[in-house]
Amino acid sequence: MNKTILLLTFVLSLVLKNHFANAQFNYIGGGIALATGGEYKYNGNLYYNNSFGIDLRASYNINKKFKLVPDVKFYLPKKESFEGTGGESKTTVVAFNLNLHYITNPRKDYKLYLLAGAHVGGWIIKDNHIPAVGPQVPLDINEFKVVPGGNVGGGMQFNIGNRTLFYAEVKYVISEARQLVFSPGLIYEF
């Protein structure tokens, strides 16, 4: 799956290379990210991301039907204390997405779109709890793990001001740490 995502990203960059030579982003903004799931297994232990995060994004209009939208999501740290055995684990997730939006109704006042793209999740895991089963030795995990994947979903955006748009999208992250993500927010045209 990693090779497939890298190949798709490479092909997309080659196809759009000449088009983006003088390109600038048309919109920039952000909002919140609300996620479900987000479970990652490392060294036999399960780690979870927090369901609330911040979404920062930009948008580039390729033409009337397609947009290229990179975004970064920062999820708040998820802490878990182990009262019975002692210690705690802390997981922080940062996700980078590069999505292509297909506009199904290219209207000026509102747009509906389908999206698909690449996803790279960065899991920062710090764990020093004592396992309940096995040797009673504290774990000493301080790792950064990259979890690649893909996105599929859809969304909408509409004008709320002269140069301000509201967006809301739902996407499913297909990866080792699968989850559904809802992201509403505002983007500003410049």
N, C-alpha and C. Protein backbone atom coordinates (compact mmCIF):
# COMPACT_ATOMS: atom_id res chain seq x y z
N MET A 1 0.83 -1.19 0.00
CA MET A 1 0.00 0.00 0.00
C MET A 1 0.87 1.25 0.00
N ASN A 2 2.01 1.23 0.71
CA ASN A 2 2.90 2.39 0.75
C ASN A 2 3.41 2.73 -0.64
N LYS A 3 3.81 1.71 -1.39
CA LYS A 3 4.33 1.95 -2.74
C LYS A 3 3.25 2.50 -3.66
N THR A 4 2.02 2.03 -3.51
CA THR A 4 0.92 2.50 -4.33
C THR A 4 0.65 3.98 -4.07
N ILE A 5 0.63 4.38 -2.82
CA ILE A 5 0.38 5.79 -2.48
C ILE A 5 1.51 6.67 -3.00
N LEU A 6 2.74 6.22 -2.83
CA LEU A 6 3.88 7.00 -3.34
C LEU A 6 3.81 7.11 -4.86
N LEU A 7 3.45 6.04 -5.54
CA LEU A 7 3.35 6.06 -6.99
C LEU A 7 2.24 7.00 -7.44
N LEU A 8 1.07 6.95 -6.79
CA LEU A 8 -0.02 7.84 -7.15
C LEU A 8 0.34 9.31 -6.92
N THR A 9 1.00 9.59 -5.82
CA THR A 9 1.44 10.96 -5.54
C THR A 9 2.45 11.43 -6.58
N PHE A 10 3.36 10.57 -6.95
CA PHE A 10 4.38 10.90 -7.96
C PHE A 10 3.73 11.17 -9.31
N VAL A 11 2.80 10.31 -9.73
CA VAL A 11 2.12 10.48 -11.02
C VAL A 11 1.31 11.77 -11.02
N LEU A 12 0.59 12.04 -9.93
CA LEU A 12 -0.20 13.28 -9.84
C LEU A 12 0.70 14.50 -9.93
N SER A 13 1.86 14.45 -9.28
CA SER A 13 2.77 15.60 -9.34
C SER A 13 3.34 15.79 -10.74
N LEU A 14 3.61 14.71 -11.46
CA LEU A 14 4.11 14.83 -12.83
C LEU A 14 3.05 15.40 -13.77
N VAL A 15 1.83 14.92 -13.63
CA VAL A 15 0.75 15.38 -14.49
C VAL A 15 0.48 16.86 -14.29
N LEU A 16 0.53 17.30 -13.05
CA LEU A 16 0.20 18.69 -12.74
C LEU A 16 1.42 19.62 -12.67
N LYS A 17 2.60 19.09 -12.96
CA LYS A 17 3.85 19.85 -12.81
C LYS A 17 3.81 21.16 -13.59
N ASN A 18 3.52 21.09 -14.87
CA ASN A 18 3.50 22.30 -15.69
C ASN A 18 2.38 23.25 -15.28
N HIS A 19 1.27 22.68 -14.86
CA HIS A 19 0.14 23.51 -14.47
C HIS A 19 0.45 24.34 -13.23
N PHE A 20 1.25 23.78 -12.30
CA PHE A 20 1.53 24.45 -11.04
C PHE A 20 2.82 25.26 -11.06
N ALA A 21 3.46 25.41 -12.21
CA ALA A 21 4.73 26.12 -12.26
C ALA A 21 4.59 27.55 -11.72
N ASN A 22 3.49 28.21 -12.03
CA ASN A 22 3.26 29.57 -11.54
C ASN A 22 2.05 29.63 -10.62
N ALA A 23 1.71 28.53 -10.00
CA ALA A 23 0.48 28.44 -9.22
C ALA A 23 0.61 29.08 -7.85
N GLN A 24 -0.52 29.56 -7.36
CA GLN A 24 -0.65 30.04 -6.00
C GLN A 24 -1.94 29.48 -5.44
N PHE A 25 -1.98 29.35 -4.14
CA PHE A 25 -3.21 28.90 -3.52
C PHE A 25 -4.23 30.03 -3.55
N ASN A 26 -5.47 29.68 -3.84
CA ASN A 26 -6.55 30.65 -3.93
C ASN A 26 -7.22 30.91 -2.58
N TYR A 27 -7.20 29.90 -1.72
CA TYR A 27 -7.87 29.98 -0.42
C TYR A 27 -6.96 29.44 0.66
N ILE A 28 -7.11 29.98 1.86
CA ILE A 28 -6.39 29.46 3.02
C ILE A 28 -7.30 29.63 4.24
N GLY A 29 -7.22 28.69 5.17
CA GLY A 29 -8.08 28.79 6.35
C GLY A 29 -7.97 27.56 7.22
N GLY A 30 -9.02 27.32 7.98
CA GLY A 30 -9.01 26.16 8.86
C GLY A 30 -10.27 26.05 9.67
N GLY A 31 -10.26 25.04 10.51
CA GLY A 31 -11.42 24.78 11.34
C GLY A 31 -11.08 23.72 12.37
N ILE A 32 -12.05 22.89 12.67
CA ILE A 32 -11.83 21.83 13.65
C ILE A 32 -11.92 20.47 12.96
N ALA A 33 -11.40 19.46 13.61
CA ALA A 33 -11.48 18.09 13.12
C ALA A 33 -12.06 17.23 14.23
N LEU A 34 -13.11 16.51 13.91
CA LEU A 34 -13.75 15.59 14.85
C LEU A 34 -13.63 14.19 14.25
N ALA A 35 -12.96 13.29 14.96
CA ALA A 35 -12.65 11.97 14.42
C ALA A 35 -13.22 10.86 15.28
N THR A 36 -13.47 9.74 14.63
CA THR A 36 -13.85 8.52 15.34
C THR A 36 -12.74 7.50 15.12
N GLY A 37 -12.73 6.47 15.89
CA GLY A 37 -11.73 5.42 15.67
C GLY A 37 -10.35 5.88 16.04
N GLY A 38 -9.40 5.71 15.13
CA GLY A 38 -8.05 6.14 15.40
C GLY A 38 -7.32 5.24 16.36
N GLU A 39 -7.26 3.95 16.05
CA GLU A 39 -6.58 2.98 16.89
C GLU A 39 -5.36 2.47 16.15
N TYR A 40 -4.20 2.47 16.83
CA TYR A 40 -2.96 2.03 16.22
C TYR A 40 -2.29 1.02 17.14
N LYS A 41 -1.88 -0.11 16.56
CA LYS A 41 -1.23 -1.15 17.36
C LYS A 41 0.27 -1.09 17.14
N TYR A 42 1.01 -0.98 18.26
CA TYR A 42 2.47 -0.92 18.20
C TYR A 42 3.03 -1.78 19.33
N ASN A 43 3.91 -2.69 19.00
CA ASN A 43 4.54 -3.61 19.98
C ASN A 43 3.51 -4.33 20.84
N GLY A 44 2.39 -4.71 20.23
CA GLY A 44 1.37 -5.44 20.97
C GLY A 44 0.46 -4.59 21.83
N ASN A 45 0.67 -3.29 21.88
CA ASN A 45 -0.16 -2.38 22.67
C ASN A 45 -1.03 -1.55 21.74
N LEU A 46 -2.24 -1.23 22.17
CA LEU A 46 -3.13 -0.39 21.40
C LEU A 46 -3.04 1.05 21.87
N TYR A 47 -2.96 1.97 20.90
CA TYR A 47 -2.91 3.40 21.20
C TYR A 47 -4.03 4.08 20.42
N TYR A 48 -4.57 5.14 20.99
CA TYR A 48 -5.72 5.83 20.40
C TYR A 48 -5.41 7.32 20.28
N ASN A 49 -5.97 7.94 19.21
CA ASN A 49 -5.83 9.38 19.11
C ASN A 49 -7.04 10.05 19.71
N ASN A 50 -6.87 11.31 20.07
CA ASN A 50 -7.98 12.10 20.60
C ASN A 50 -8.93 12.39 19.44
N SER A 51 -10.19 12.55 19.73
CA SER A 51 -11.16 12.76 18.66
C SER A 51 -11.29 14.23 18.26
N PHE A 52 -10.63 15.14 18.95
CA PHE A 52 -10.74 16.57 18.64
C PHE A 52 -9.40 17.11 18.18
N GLY A 53 -9.43 17.89 17.09
CA GLY A 53 -8.20 18.47 16.57
C GLY A 53 -8.47 19.75 15.82
N ILE A 54 -7.39 20.31 15.29
CA ILE A 54 -7.43 21.56 14.54
C ILE A 54 -7.03 21.26 13.10
N ASP A 55 -7.75 21.83 12.16
CA ASP A 55 -7.55 21.60 10.73
C ASP A 55 -7.06 22.89 10.08
N LEU A 56 -5.90 22.84 9.43
CA LEU A 56 -5.37 23.97 8.66
C LEU A 56 -5.29 23.53 7.21
N ARG A 57 -5.76 24.37 6.29
CA ARG A 57 -5.78 23.94 4.90
C ARG A 57 -5.61 25.11 3.94
N ALA A 58 -5.27 24.73 2.71
CA ALA A 58 -5.20 25.67 1.60
C ALA A 58 -5.95 25.01 0.45
N SER A 59 -6.28 25.78 -0.56
CA SER A 59 -7.01 25.24 -1.70
C SER A 59 -6.54 25.92 -2.97
N TYR A 60 -6.33 25.10 -3.99
CA TYR A 60 -5.91 25.63 -5.29
C TYR A 60 -6.92 25.17 -6.34
N ASN A 61 -7.50 26.13 -7.06
CA ASN A 61 -8.45 25.81 -8.13
C ASN A 61 -7.67 25.40 -9.37
N ILE A 62 -7.79 24.14 -9.76
CA ILE A 62 -7.16 23.66 -10.99
C ILE A 62 -7.99 24.14 -12.17
N ASN A 63 -9.30 23.92 -12.09
CA ASN A 63 -10.26 24.43 -13.08
C ASN A 63 -11.62 24.48 -12.39
N LYS A 64 -12.72 24.61 -13.16
CA LYS A 64 -14.04 24.72 -12.54
C LYS A 64 -14.46 23.45 -11.82
N LYS A 65 -13.94 22.31 -12.22
CA LYS A 65 -14.38 21.03 -11.67
C LYS A 65 -13.43 20.43 -10.63
N PHE A 66 -12.16 20.86 -10.60
CA PHE A 66 -11.18 20.22 -9.72
C PHE A 66 -10.43 21.23 -8.86
N LYS A 67 -10.19 20.83 -7.60
CA LYS A 67 -9.38 21.61 -6.66
C LYS A 67 -8.36 20.67 -6.03
N LEU A 68 -7.20 21.19 -5.75
CA LEU A 68 -6.18 20.47 -5.00
C LEU A 68 -6.15 21.08 -3.60
N VAL A 69 -6.36 20.23 -2.57
CA VAL A 69 -6.51 20.74 -1.21
C VAL A 69 -5.57 19.99 -0.26
N PRO A 70 -4.43 20.60 0.10
CA PRO A 70 -3.61 20.01 1.16
C PRO A 70 -4.11 20.49 2.52
N ASP A 71 -4.07 19.62 3.51
CA ASP A 71 -4.43 20.05 4.86
C ASP A 71 -3.59 19.31 5.89
N VAL A 72 -3.46 19.96 7.04
CA VAL A 72 -2.74 19.38 8.17
C VAL A 72 -3.70 19.40 9.35
N LYS A 73 -3.79 18.27 10.02
CA LYS A 73 -4.64 18.17 11.21
C LYS A 73 -3.78 17.85 12.42
N PHE A 74 -3.95 18.63 13.48
CA PHE A 74 -3.25 18.41 14.75
C PHE A 74 -4.29 17.97 15.77
N TYR A 75 -4.19 16.73 16.23
CA TYR A 75 -5.12 16.23 17.23
C TYR A 75 -4.53 16.43 18.62
N LEU A 76 -5.39 16.79 19.57
CA LEU A 76 -4.93 16.98 20.95
C LEU A 76 -4.39 15.66 21.49
N PRO A 77 -3.43 15.72 22.41
CA PRO A 77 -2.85 14.49 22.97
C PRO A 77 -3.89 13.66 23.72
N LYS A 78 -3.77 12.37 23.60
CA LYS A 78 -4.65 11.43 24.32
C LYS A 78 -3.82 10.78 25.42
N LYS A 79 -4.19 11.02 26.68
CA LYS A 79 -3.46 10.45 27.82
C LYS A 79 -4.29 9.34 28.43
N GLU A 80 -3.61 8.29 28.83
CA GLU A 80 -4.27 7.18 29.50
C GLU A 80 -3.44 6.81 30.72
N SER A 81 -4.06 6.89 31.90
CA SER A 81 -3.38 6.51 33.14
C SER A 81 -3.76 5.08 33.51
N PHE A 82 -2.80 4.36 34.05
CA PHE A 82 -3.02 2.97 34.45
C PHE A 82 -2.96 2.90 35.97
N GLU A 83 -4.11 3.05 36.58
CA GLU A 83 -4.21 3.12 38.05
C GLU A 83 -3.77 1.83 38.72
N GLY A 84 -4.18 0.69 38.17
CA GLY A 84 -3.89 -0.59 38.81
C GLY A 84 -2.42 -0.97 38.78
N THR A 85 -1.77 -0.74 37.66
CA THR A 85 -0.36 -1.15 37.51
C THR A 85 0.60 0.02 37.56
N GLY A 86 0.14 1.23 37.28
CA GLY A 86 0.99 2.42 37.33
C GLY A 86 1.48 2.84 35.96
N GLY A 87 1.82 4.11 35.87
CA GLY A 87 2.34 4.68 34.63
C GLY A 87 1.25 5.28 33.77
N GLU A 88 1.66 5.82 32.63
CA GLU A 88 0.70 6.39 31.69
C GLU A 88 1.25 6.32 30.27
N SER A 89 0.32 6.44 29.33
CA SER A 89 0.72 6.54 27.92
C SER A 89 0.10 7.82 27.36
N LYS A 90 0.81 8.42 26.42
CA LYS A 90 0.36 9.66 25.79
C LYS A 90 0.57 9.51 24.28
N THR A 91 -0.49 9.76 23.53
CA THR A 91 -0.44 9.64 22.07
C THR A 91 -0.88 10.96 21.45
N THR A 92 -0.08 11.47 20.54
CA THR A 92 -0.41 12.68 19.79
C THR A 92 -0.35 12.33 18.31
N VAL A 93 -1.33 12.80 17.55
CA VAL A 93 -1.37 12.49 16.12
C VAL A 93 -1.38 13.78 15.31
N VAL A 94 -0.55 13.79 14.26
CA VAL A 94 -0.52 14.85 13.27
C VAL A 94 -0.76 14.18 11.93
N ALA A 95 -1.69 14.69 11.14
CA ALA A 95 -2.01 14.07 9.85
C ALA A 95 -1.86 15.08 8.73
N PHE A 96 -1.23 14.65 7.63
CA PHE A 96 -1.12 15.46 6.42
C PHE A 96 -1.93 14.77 5.33
N ASN A 97 -2.78 15.53 4.67
CA ASN A 97 -3.62 14.99 3.59
C ASN A 97 -3.44 15.83 2.34
N LEU A 98 -3.41 15.18 1.21
CA LEU A 98 -3.38 15.86 -0.08
C LEU A 98 -4.54 15.29 -0.88
N ASN A 99 -5.62 16.07 -0.99
CA ASN A 99 -6.85 15.59 -1.62
C ASN A 99 -7.15 16.33 -2.90
N LEU A 100 -7.78 15.61 -3.81
CA LEU A 100 -8.30 16.20 -5.04
C LEU A 100 -9.82 16.26 -4.87
N HIS A 101 -10.40 17.46 -5.01
CA HIS A 101 -11.84 17.64 -4.90
C HIS A 101 -12.43 17.70 -6.30
N TYR A 102 -13.46 16.91 -6.53
CA TYR A 102 -14.21 16.95 -7.78
C TYR A 102 -15.53 17.66 -7.49
N ILE A 103 -15.72 18.84 -8.07
CA ILE A 103 -16.91 19.65 -7.84
C ILE A 103 -18.05 19.09 -8.68
N THR A 104 -19.12 18.64 -8.03
CA THR A 104 -20.24 18.05 -8.76
C THR A 104 -21.20 19.09 -9.31
N ASN A 105 -21.22 20.28 -8.73
CA ASN A 105 -22.10 21.37 -9.20
C ASN A 105 -21.33 22.68 -9.16
N PRO A 106 -20.61 23.02 -10.21
CA PRO A 106 -19.78 24.24 -10.17
C PRO A 106 -20.60 25.53 -10.19
N ARG A 107 -21.20 25.85 -9.05
CA ARG A 107 -21.97 27.09 -8.91
C ARG A 107 -21.17 28.08 -8.08
N LYS A 108 -21.55 29.34 -8.18
CA LYS A 108 -20.81 30.38 -7.46
C LYS A 108 -21.17 30.42 -5.97
N ASP A 109 -22.44 30.25 -5.62
CA ASP A 109 -22.86 30.44 -4.24
C ASP A 109 -22.60 29.23 -3.35
N TYR A 110 -22.67 28.02 -3.85
CA TYR A 110 -22.35 26.83 -3.05
C TYR A 110 -21.85 25.71 -3.96
N LYS A 111 -21.07 24.83 -3.38
CA LYS A 111 -20.51 23.72 -4.15
C LYS A 111 -20.59 22.45 -3.33
N LEU A 112 -20.88 21.35 -4.01
CA LEU A 112 -20.80 20.01 -3.44
C LEU A 112 -19.64 19.31 -4.11
N TYR A 113 -18.89 18.51 -3.35
CA TYR A 113 -17.73 17.86 -3.96
C TYR A 113 -17.50 16.47 -3.38
N LEU A 114 -16.84 15.66 -4.20
CA LEU A 114 -16.32 14.36 -3.78
C LEU A 114 -14.82 14.55 -3.62
N LEU A 115 -14.20 13.78 -2.71
CA LEU A 115 -12.77 13.92 -2.54
C LEU A 115 -12.09 12.56 -2.46
N ALA A 116 -10.85 12.55 -2.88
CA ALA A 116 -10.00 11.36 -2.76
C ALA A 116 -8.57 11.87 -2.70
N GLY A 117 -7.72 11.14 -1.98
CA GLY A 117 -6.34 11.58 -1.90
C GLY A 117 -5.48 10.73 -0.99
N ALA A 118 -4.31 11.26 -0.72
CA ALA A 118 -3.31 10.56 0.10
C ALA A 118 -3.35 11.08 1.54
N HIS A 119 -3.02 10.20 2.46
CA HIS A 119 -3.01 10.51 3.89
C HIS A 119 -1.71 9.99 4.49
N VAL A 120 -1.08 10.81 5.32
CA VAL A 120 0.08 10.36 6.09
C VAL A 120 -0.14 10.81 7.53
N GLY A 121 -0.29 9.83 8.42
CA GLY A 121 -0.48 10.12 9.83
C GLY A 121 0.82 9.93 10.58
N GLY A 122 1.14 10.86 11.46
CA GLY A 122 2.32 10.75 12.31
C GLY A 122 1.88 10.53 13.74
N TRP A 123 2.16 9.36 14.30
CA TRP A 123 1.77 9.00 15.66
C TRP A 123 2.96 9.17 16.58
N ILE A 124 2.84 10.06 17.54
CA ILE A 124 3.89 10.28 18.55
C ILE A 124 3.44 9.53 19.80
N ILE A 125 4.15 8.47 20.13
CA ILE A 125 3.75 7.59 21.23
C ILE A 125 4.78 7.66 22.35
N LYS A 126 4.32 8.00 23.55
CA LYS A 126 5.15 7.98 24.76
C LYS A 126 4.43 7.10 25.76
N ASP A 127 5.08 6.03 26.19
CA ASP A 127 4.41 5.06 27.06
C ASP A 127 5.39 4.53 28.09
N ASN A 128 5.01 4.64 29.37
CA ASN A 128 5.85 4.10 30.44
C ASN A 128 5.03 3.32 31.47
N HIS A 129 3.89 2.75 31.01
CA HIS A 129 3.06 2.01 31.95
C HIS A 129 3.60 0.59 32.15
N ILE A 130 3.18 -0.03 33.24
CA ILE A 130 3.58 -1.40 33.54
C ILE A 130 2.46 -2.31 33.03
N PRO A 131 2.78 -3.25 32.12
CA PRO A 131 1.74 -4.12 31.58
C PRO A 131 1.11 -4.98 32.68
N ALA A 132 -0.20 -5.24 32.54
CA ALA A 132 -0.92 -6.06 33.51
C ALA A 132 -0.57 -7.53 33.36
N VAL A 133 -0.18 -7.93 32.14
CA VAL A 133 0.18 -9.33 31.87
C VAL A 133 1.65 -9.38 31.47
N GLY A 134 2.34 -10.39 31.92
CA GLY A 134 3.76 -10.55 31.56
C GLY A 134 4.66 -9.98 32.64
N PRO A 135 5.91 -9.72 32.28
CA PRO A 135 6.86 -9.20 33.27
C PRO A 135 6.43 -7.82 33.75
N GLN A 136 6.62 -7.57 35.02
CA GLN A 136 6.21 -6.31 35.64
C GLN A 136 7.29 -5.24 35.47
N VAL A 137 7.72 -5.06 34.23
CA VAL A 137 8.75 -4.07 33.90
C VAL A 137 8.09 -2.93 33.14
N PRO A 138 8.32 -1.68 33.54
CA PRO A 138 7.69 -0.55 32.83
C PRO A 138 8.14 -0.50 31.37
N LEU A 139 7.19 -0.16 30.50
CA LEU A 139 7.52 0.05 29.09
C LEU A 139 8.32 1.34 28.97
N ASP A 140 9.20 1.38 28.00
CA ASP A 140 9.96 2.60 27.74
C ASP A 140 9.84 2.90 26.25
N ILE A 141 8.68 3.42 25.85
CA ILE A 141 8.41 3.69 24.43
C ILE A 141 8.34 5.19 24.23
N ASN A 142 9.14 5.67 23.32
CA ASN A 142 9.13 7.07 22.90
C ASN A 142 9.40 7.05 21.39
N GLU A 143 8.33 6.90 20.60
CA GLU A 143 8.45 6.65 19.17
C GLU A 143 7.61 7.61 18.35
N PHE A 144 8.07 7.82 17.13
CA PHE A 144 7.29 8.53 16.11
C PHE A 144 7.07 7.54 14.98
N LYS A 145 5.82 7.18 14.72
CA LYS A 145 5.48 6.21 13.70
C LYS A 145 4.69 6.88 12.58
N VAL A 146 5.06 6.58 11.34
CA VAL A 146 4.37 7.10 10.17
C VAL A 146 3.39 6.04 9.68
N VAL A 147 2.14 6.44 9.51
CA VAL A 147 1.08 5.53 9.07
C VAL A 147 0.47 6.11 7.79
N PRO A 148 0.88 5.60 6.61
CA PRO A 148 0.32 6.11 5.35
C PRO A 148 -1.04 5.50 5.04
N GLY A 149 -1.77 6.16 4.18
CA GLY A 149 -3.08 5.65 3.78
C GLY A 149 -3.70 6.52 2.70
N GLY A 150 -5.01 6.44 2.59
CA GLY A 150 -5.74 7.21 1.60
C GLY A 150 -7.02 7.77 2.20
N ASN A 151 -7.64 8.71 1.50
CA ASN A 151 -8.88 9.35 1.93
C ASN A 151 -9.94 9.22 0.84
N VAL A 152 -11.18 9.01 1.23
CA VAL A 152 -12.33 9.12 0.33
C VAL A 152 -13.45 9.79 1.12
N GLY A 153 -14.22 10.62 0.43
CA GLY A 153 -15.31 11.30 1.13
C GLY A 153 -15.98 12.33 0.27
N GLY A 154 -16.61 13.29 0.93
CA GLY A 154 -17.31 14.35 0.23
C GLY A 154 -17.54 15.53 1.15
N GLY A 155 -18.00 16.62 0.55
CA GLY A 155 -18.24 17.80 1.35
C GLY A 155 -19.00 18.86 0.59
N MET A 156 -19.09 20.01 1.25
CA MET A 156 -19.78 21.16 0.66
C MET A 156 -19.11 22.44 1.12
N GLN A 157 -19.30 23.48 0.35
CA GLN A 157 -18.86 24.80 0.77
C GLN A 157 -19.82 25.83 0.21
N PHE A 158 -20.01 26.92 0.98
CA PHE A 158 -20.85 27.99 0.49
C PHE A 158 -20.35 29.33 1.03
N ASN A 159 -20.69 30.39 0.29
CA ASN A 159 -20.27 31.74 0.64
C ASN A 159 -21.02 32.22 1.88
N ILE A 160 -20.26 32.83 2.81
CA ILE A 160 -20.91 33.47 3.96
C ILE A 160 -20.53 34.94 4.04
N GLY A 161 -19.67 35.37 3.15
CA GLY A 161 -19.24 36.76 3.10
C GLY A 161 -18.67 37.05 1.74
N ASN A 162 -18.13 38.23 1.59
CA ASN A 162 -17.58 38.65 0.31
C ASN A 162 -16.46 37.73 -0.16
N ARG A 163 -15.54 37.37 0.72
CA ARG A 163 -14.40 36.51 0.34
C ARG A 163 -14.22 35.34 1.30
N THR A 164 -15.25 35.03 2.08
CA THR A 164 -15.16 33.97 3.09
C THR A 164 -16.12 32.85 2.74
N LEU A 165 -15.63 31.62 2.83
CA LEU A 165 -16.44 30.44 2.56
C LEU A 165 -16.48 29.53 3.79
N PHE A 166 -17.63 28.93 4.02
CA PHE A 166 -17.77 27.89 5.04
C PHE A 166 -17.64 26.55 4.33
N TYR A 167 -16.91 25.62 4.93
CA TYR A 167 -16.82 24.27 4.36
C TYR A 167 -17.14 23.25 5.45
N ALA A 168 -17.62 22.11 5.01
CA ALA A 168 -17.85 20.97 5.90
C ALA A 168 -17.63 19.73 5.06
N GLU A 169 -16.80 18.83 5.56
CA GLU A 169 -16.54 17.60 4.81
C GLU A 169 -16.44 16.40 5.74
N VAL A 170 -16.75 15.27 5.19
CA VAL A 170 -16.63 13.99 5.89
C VAL A 170 -15.76 13.11 5.01
N LYS A 171 -14.75 12.50 5.63
CA LYS A 171 -13.91 11.57 4.86
C LYS A 171 -13.55 10.38 5.72
N TYR A 172 -13.33 9.29 5.03
CA TYR A 172 -12.91 8.06 5.68
C TYR A 172 -11.43 7.87 5.38
N VAL A 173 -10.64 7.72 6.41
CA VAL A 173 -9.20 7.50 6.26
C VAL A 173 -8.97 5.99 6.20
N ILE A 174 -8.43 5.54 5.10
CA ILE A 174 -8.14 4.12 4.89
C ILE A 174 -6.66 3.92 5.18
N SER A 175 -6.37 3.34 6.33
CA SER A 175 -4.98 3.09 6.73
C SER A 175 -4.98 2.06 7.83
N GLU A 176 -3.81 1.82 8.38
CA GLU A 176 -3.70 0.92 9.53
C GLU A 176 -4.47 1.46 10.74
N ALA A 177 -4.62 2.77 10.79
CA ALA A 177 -5.38 3.43 11.87
C ALA A 177 -6.62 4.08 11.25
N ARG A 178 -7.55 3.27 10.80
CA ARG A 178 -8.75 3.75 10.11
C ARG A 178 -9.61 4.64 11.02
N GLN A 179 -10.21 5.66 10.38
CA GLN A 179 -11.14 6.50 11.13
C GLN A 179 -11.98 7.34 10.19
N LEU A 180 -13.09 7.83 10.71
CA LEU A 180 -13.97 8.74 10.01
C LEU A 180 -13.72 10.13 10.59
N VAL A 181 -13.55 11.12 9.71
CA VAL A 181 -13.21 12.48 10.15
C VAL A 181 -14.21 13.48 9.58
N PHE A 182 -14.78 14.32 10.45
CA PHE A 182 -15.66 15.41 10.06
C PHE A 182 -14.92 16.71 10.31
N SER A 183 -14.84 17.57 9.29
CA SER A 183 -14.09 18.83 9.41
C SER A 183 -14.90 20.00 8.91
N PRO A 184 -15.47 20.82 9.80
CA PRO A 184 -16.08 22.08 9.39
C PRO A 184 -15.09 23.23 9.64
N GLY A 185 -15.24 24.31 8.85
CA GLY A 185 -14.37 25.44 9.07
C GLY A 185 -14.60 26.56 8.07
N LEU A 186 -13.69 27.54 8.07
CA LEU A 186 -13.76 28.70 7.19
C LEU A 186 -12.48 28.82 6.36
N ILE A 187 -12.64 29.21 5.11
CA ILE A 187 -11.49 29.52 4.27
C ILE A 187 -11.69 30.92 3.69
N TYR A 188 -10.58 31.59 3.49
CA TYR A 188 -10.60 32.97 3.03
C TYR A 188 -9.94 33.06 1.66
N GLU A 189 -10.59 33.74 0.73
CA GLU A 189 -10.04 33.91 -0.61
C GLU A 189 -9.11 35.13 -0.62
N PHE A 190 -7.94 34.95 -1.22
CA PHE A 190 -7.05 36.11 -1.34
C PHE A 190 -6.52 36.24 -2.73
